[in-house]
C-alpha atoms as a PDB file:
ATOM      1  CA  MET A   1      12.534  25.005  33.800  1.00  0.00           C
ATOM      2  CA  LYS A   2      13.091  26.317  30.365  1.00  0.00           C
ATOM      3  CA  LYS A   3      16.444  27.682  29.203  1.00  0.00           C
ATOM      4  CA  ALA A   4      16.676  31.496  28.059  1.00  0.00           C
ATOM      5  CA  ARG A   5      16.707  32.287  24.652  1.00  0.00           C
ATOM      6  CA  ASP A   6      19.556  34.573  23.177  1.00  0.00           C
ATOM      7  CA  GLY A   7      18.470  36.710  20.857  1.00  0.00           C
ATOM      8  CA  PHE A   8      21.672  38.007  19.811  1.00  0.00           C
ATOM      9  CA  LYS A   9      23.414  34.281  19.457  1.00  0.00           C
ATOM     10  CA  LYS A  10      20.142  33.552  17.228  1.00  0.00           C
ATOM     11  CA  LEU A  11      20.940  36.966  15.458  1.00  0.00           C
ATOM     12  CA  LEU A  12      24.513  35.794  14.934  1.00  0.00           C
ATOM     13  CA  SER A  13      23.424  32.181  13.216  1.00  0.00           C
ATOM     14  CA  ASN A  14      21.115  33.916  10.954  1.00  0.00           C
ATOM     15  CA  ILE A  15      24.252  36.260   9.778  1.00  0.00           C
ATOM     16  CA  LYS A  16      25.890  33.104   9.228  1.00  0.00           C
ATOM     17  CA  MET A  17      23.427  32.094   6.629  1.00  0.00           C
ATOM     18  CA  ASN A  18      24.827  34.270   4.530  1.00  0.00           C
ATOM     19  CA  ALA A  19      28.291  35.092   5.204  1.00  0.00           C
ATOM     20  CA  LEU A  20      31.887  33.011   5.926  1.00  0.00           C
ATOM     21  CA  SER A  21      32.463  32.359   9.320  1.00  0.00           C
ATOM     22  CA  ARG A  22      35.674  31.093  10.743  1.00  0.00           C
ATOM     23  CA  ASP A  23      36.032  27.024  11.144  1.00  0.00           C
ATOM     24  CA  ASP A  24      38.451  25.660  13.672  1.00  0.00           C
ATOM     25  CA  ASN A  25      41.662  26.783  12.400  1.00  0.00           C
ATOM     26  CA  GLY A  26      40.405  30.656  11.999  1.00  0.00           C
ATOM     27  CA  GLU A  27      39.983  29.981   8.604  1.00  0.00           C
ATOM     28  CA  PHE A  28      36.891  31.615   6.869  1.00  0.00           C
ATOM     29  CA  THR A  29      35.113  28.647   5.288  1.00  0.00           C
ATOM     30  CA  ILE A  30      31.817  27.837   6.849  1.00  0.00           C
ATOM     31  CA  ILE A  31      28.805  28.647   4.982  1.00  0.00           C
ATOM     32  CA  ASN A  32      25.732  27.461   6.575  1.00  0.00           C
ATOM     33  CA  SER A  33      23.619  27.761   3.510  1.00  0.00           C
ATOM     34  CA  SER A  34      22.953  25.320   0.533  1.00  0.00           C
ATOM     35  CA  THR A  35      21.973  28.054  -1.634  1.00  0.00           C
ATOM     36  CA  ASN A  36      24.752  30.465  -0.490  1.00  0.00           C
ATOM     37  CA  ARG A  37      27.295  27.408  -1.217  1.00  0.00           C
ATOM     38  CA  LYS A  38      25.725  26.748  -4.438  1.00  0.00           C
ATOM     39  CA  ARG A  39      26.236  30.828  -5.074  1.00  0.00           C
ATOM     40  CA  MET A  40      29.870  30.140  -4.274  1.00  0.00           C
ATOM     41  CA  MET A  41      30.152  27.915  -7.204  1.00  0.00           C
ATOM     42  CA  ASN A  42      29.012  30.300  -9.023  1.00  0.00           C
ATOM     43  CA  ASP A  43      25.772  28.552 -10.431  1.00  0.00           C
ATOM     44  CA  SER A  44      23.071  30.843 -11.867  1.00  0.00           C
ATOM     45  CA  SER A  45      21.618  31.940  -8.239  1.00  0.00           C
ATOM     46  CA  GLY A  46      24.459  33.814  -7.990  1.00  0.00           C
ATOM     47  CA  LYS A  47      23.120  37.365  -9.216  1.00  0.00           C
ATOM     48  CA  ILE A  48      20.225  38.501  -7.463  1.00  0.00           C
ATOM     49  CA  TRP A  49      17.227  40.128  -9.253  1.00  0.00           C
ATOM     50  CA  GLY A  50      18.381  38.917 -12.446  1.00  0.00           C
ATOM     51  CA  SER A  51      20.725  40.888 -14.843  1.00  0.00           C
ATOM     52  CA  HIS A  52      19.916  44.284 -14.565  1.00  0.00           C
ATOM     53  CA  PRO A  53      22.543  47.070 -14.493  1.00  0.00           C
ATOM     54  CA  ASN A  54      21.915  47.339 -10.620  1.00  0.00           C
ATOM     55  CA  SER A  55      21.835  43.829 -10.081  1.00  0.00           C
ATOM     56  CA  LYS A  56      24.928  42.585  -7.700  1.00  0.00           C
ATOM     57  CA  VAL A  57      27.140  39.517  -8.048  1.00  0.00           C
ATOM     58  CA  TRP A  58      26.988  37.928  -4.259  1.00  0.00           C
ATOM     59  CA  VAL A  59      30.409  38.000  -3.152  1.00  0.00           C
ATOM     60  CA  PRO A  60      30.037  36.144   0.264  1.00  0.00           C
ATOM     61  CA  SER A  61      31.407  38.853   3.397  1.00  0.00           C
ATOM     62  CA  LYS A  62      33.309  37.805   6.309  1.00  0.00           C
ATOM     63  CA  ILE A  63      32.028  37.710   9.798  1.00  0.00           C
ATOM     64  CA  TYR A  64      33.882  39.945  12.234  1.00  0.00           C
ATOM     65  CA  VAL A  65      31.460  40.427  14.906  1.00  0.00           C
ATOM     66  CA  ASP A  66      30.345  38.228  18.018  1.00  0.00           C
ATOM     67  CA  GLU A  67      26.910  38.354  20.246  1.00  0.00           C
ATOM     68  CA  LYS A  68      28.321  41.015  22.219  1.00  0.00           C
ATOM     69  CA  ASP A  69      28.984  43.170  19.184  1.00  0.00           C
ATOM     70  CA  LEU A  70      25.613  42.661  18.296  1.00  0.00           C
ATOM     71  CA  GLN A  71      24.172  43.606  21.821  1.00  0.00           C
ATOM     72  CA  GLN A  72      26.472  46.562  21.947  1.00  0.00           C
ATOM     73  CA  THR A  73      25.333  47.678  18.320  1.00  0.00           C
ATOM     74  CA  TRP A  74      21.837  47.224  19.546  1.00  0.00           C
ATOM     75  CA  LYS A  75      22.647  49.229  22.628  1.00  0.00           C
ATOM     76  CA  LYS A  76      23.910  52.139  20.992  1.00  0.00           C
ATOM     77  CA  GLN A  77      20.619  52.249  18.931  1.00  0.00           C
ATOM     78  CA  ASN A  78      18.382  52.754  22.028  1.00  0.00           C
ATOM     79  CA  GLU A  79      17.040  49.226  21.258  1.00  0.00           C
ATOM     80  CA  LEU A  80      15.009  50.492  18.588  1.00  0.00           C
ATOM     81  CA  CYS A  81      14.754  49.203  14.752  1.00  0.00           C
ATOM     82  CA  TYR A  82      17.866  51.337  13.170  1.00  0.00           C
ATOM     83  CA  TRP A  83      15.764  52.353   9.836  1.00  0.00           C
ATOM     84  CA  PHE A  84      12.005  52.871  11.407  1.00  0.00           C
ATOM     85  CA  LYS A  85      12.842  53.313  15.240  1.00  0.00           C
ATOM     86  CA  ILE A  86      10.597  51.050  16.668  1.00  0.00           C
ATOM     87  CA  PRO A  87      11.289  48.348  19.562  1.00  0.00           C
ATOM     88  CA  LEU A  88      11.738  44.681  17.704  1.00  0.00           C
ATOM     89  CA  ASP A  89      11.061  41.692  19.443  1.00  0.00           C
ATOM     90  CA  PHE A  90      13.792  39.336  19.165  1.00  0.00           C
ATOM     91  CA  ASN A  91      11.602  36.319  20.221  1.00  0.00           C
ATOM     92  CA  LEU A  92      10.190  36.363  16.837  1.00  0.00           C
ATOM     93  CA  LEU A  93      13.669  34.611  15.731  1.00  0.00           C
ATOM     94  CA  PHE A  94      12.394  31.539  17.325  1.00  0.00           C
ATOM     95  CA  SER A  95      10.014  28.815  15.828  1.00  0.00           C
ATOM     96  CA  ASP A  96       8.449  28.100  19.034  1.00  0.00           C
ATOM     97  CA  TYR A  97       7.331  31.418  19.582  1.00  0.00           C
ATOM     98  CA  ALA A  98       3.660  31.904  19.704  1.00  0.00           C
ATOM     99  CA  ASP A  99       3.848  35.042  16.896  1.00  0.00           C
ATOM    100  CA  TYR A 100       6.539  33.371  15.193  1.00  0.00           C
ATOM    101  CA  TYR A 101       6.269  33.277  11.555  1.00  0.00           C
ATOM    102  CA  PRO A 102       9.455  32.729   9.053  1.00  0.00           C
ATOM    103  CA  LYS A 103      11.018  35.733   7.998  1.00  0.00           C
ATOM    104  CA  HIS A 104       8.788  37.745  10.095  1.00  0.00           C
ATOM    105  CA  PRO A 105       8.707  41.297   8.849  1.00  0.00           C
ATOM    106  CA  LEU A 106       9.647  42.758  12.360  1.00  0.00           C
ATOM    107  CA  ALA A 107      12.121  40.238  13.759  1.00  0.00           C
ATOM    108  CA  PRO A 108      15.376  41.565  14.265  1.00  0.00           C
ATOM    109  CA  SER A 109      18.309  41.471  11.207  1.00  0.00           C
ATOM    110  CA  VAL A 110      21.691  42.756  10.790  1.00  0.00           C
ATOM    111  CA  ASP A 111      22.231  45.309   8.261  1.00  0.00           C
ATOM    112  CA  LYS A 112      25.502  45.978   6.815  1.00  0.00           C
ATOM    113  CA  ILE A 113      25.812  49.662   5.815  1.00  0.00           C
ATOM    114  CA  ASP A 114      28.005  49.088   3.166  1.00  0.00           C
ATOM    115  CA  ASP A 115      27.146  45.811   1.237  1.00  0.00           C
ATOM    116  CA  LYS A 116      30.864  45.366  -0.348  1.00  0.00           C
ATOM    117  CA  LYS A 117      32.182  45.126   3.289  1.00  0.00           C
ATOM    118  CA  ASP A 118      32.229  42.270   5.684  1.00  0.00           C
ATOM    119  CA  TYR A 119      30.425  42.419   9.158  1.00  0.00           C
ATOM    120  CA  THR A 120      32.265  44.298  11.328  1.00  0.00           C
ATOM    121  CA  VAL A 121      31.213  46.367  14.141  1.00  0.00           C
ATOM    122  CA  ASP A 122      31.207  49.667  12.227  1.00  0.00           C
ATOM    123  CA  ASN A 123      29.599  48.315   9.547  1.00  0.00           C
ATOM    124  CA  ILE A 124      26.301  46.855  10.652  1.00  0.00           C
ATOM    125  CA  VAL A 125      22.961  48.186  12.144  1.00  0.00           C
ATOM    126  CA  ILE A 126      19.952  46.249  13.542  1.00  0.00           C
ATOM    127  CA  CYS A 127      16.934  46.742  11.758  1.00  0.00           C
ATOM    128  CA  CYS A 128      13.576  44.932  11.026  1.00  0.00           C
ATOM    129  CA  ARG A 129      13.459  42.375   8.173  1.00  0.00           C
ATOM    130  CA  LEU A 130      11.158  44.443   6.661  1.00  0.00           C
ATOM    131  CA  ALA A 131      13.585  47.272   6.365  1.00  0.00           C
ATOM    132  CA  ASN A 132      16.555  44.967   5.383  1.00  0.00           C
ATOM    133  CA  PHE A 133      14.882  42.911   2.799  1.00  0.00           C
ATOM    134  CA  GLY A 134      13.610  46.190   1.398  1.00  0.00           C
ATOM    135  CA  ARG A 135      16.873  47.598   0.967  1.00  0.00           C
ATOM    136  CA  ASN A 136      18.520  44.749   0.018  1.00  0.00           C
ATOM    137  CA  VAL A 137      20.982  46.093  -3.149  1.00  0.00           C
ATOM    138  CA  TYR A 138      19.624  49.751  -2.697  1.00  0.00           C
ATOM    139  CA  PRO A 139      22.338  52.094  -1.191  1.00  0.00           C
ATOM    140  CA  PHE A 140      22.336  53.086   2.333  1.00  0.00           C
ATOM    141  CA  GLU A 141      22.142  56.500   2.395  1.00  0.00           C
ATOM    142  CA  PRO A 142      19.440  57.598   0.283  1.00  0.00           C
ATOM    143  CA  PHE A 143      17.494  54.534   2.122  1.00  0.00           C
ATOM    144  CA  GLN A 144      16.666  56.868   4.787  1.00  0.00           C
ATOM    145  CA  THR A 145      14.651  59.228   2.370  1.00  0.00           C
ATOM    146  CA  VAL A 146      12.723  55.935   1.462  1.00  0.00           C
ATOM    147  CA  ILE A 147      11.978  55.396   5.027  1.00  0.00           C
ATOM    148  CA  ASP A 148      10.784  59.041   5.495  1.00  0.00           C
ATOM    149  CA  ILE A 149       8.748  58.806   2.582  1.00  0.00           C
ATOM    150  CA  VAL A 150       7.206  55.407   3.934  1.00  0.00           C
ATOM    151  CA  THR A 151       6.545  56.838   7.427  1.00  0.00           C
ATOM    152  CA  HIS A 152       5.380  60.262   6.156  1.00  0.00           C
ATOM    153  CA  LYS A 153       7.807  62.340   7.515  1.00  0.00           C
ATOM    154  CA  THR A 154       8.196  63.390   3.714  1.00  0.00           C
ATOM    155  CA  LYS A 155       5.615  64.286   1.582  1.00  0.00           C
ATOM    156  CA  VAL A 156       5.694  63.295  -2.023  1.00  0.00           C
ATOM    157  CA  ASN A 157       3.005  63.548  -4.487  1.00  0.00           C
ATOM    158  CA  ASN A 158       4.622  62.085  -7.168  1.00  0.00           C
ATOM    159  CA  LEU A 159       7.439  59.563  -6.725  1.00  0.00           C
ATOM    160  CA  ASN A 160       9.374  61.339  -9.900  1.00  0.00           C
ATOM    161  CA  ASP A 161       9.895  64.000  -7.404  1.00  0.00           C
ATOM    162  CA  PHE A 162      11.832  61.736  -5.356  1.00  0.00           C
ATOM    163  CA  TYR A 163      14.079  60.489  -8.241  1.00  0.00           C
ATOM    164  CA  ASN A 164      14.617  63.987  -9.961  1.00  0.00           C
ATOM    165  CA  ASP A 165      16.072  65.204  -6.798  1.00  0.00           C
END
């Protein structure tokens, strides 16, 4: 019999690729991505999107959430993507799933509300990767307007109207 999958455990392991988790001594030292280890050494990959004024320097966040916190966040969101209000399939996180693709746009992802803060229960939402990657460094609050434009809840004839509001 096949072992049951824990989508929240997998979701947490994905966060650990981009953040610091605690070692056996309780110190925030573990980072599970070689790319992010290089970023921590301040090499050339430390900036996202080049050297534009809106670029941000990557500073690793600390993880203060566990699988149960992720599950509670998911339930609080009525088990829907925070941004698009659509159901998400946690199976899309597993490479042996028939519809799996690396970084599938509809796979669940954890988005921090304030990118400068750590992964805490009050600073995360669960959304699809499409929304999380799309938001990236864009501010959390105005991103809802972007979602409303993409989903046709807000009609915009010219994007200059959006930027000039």
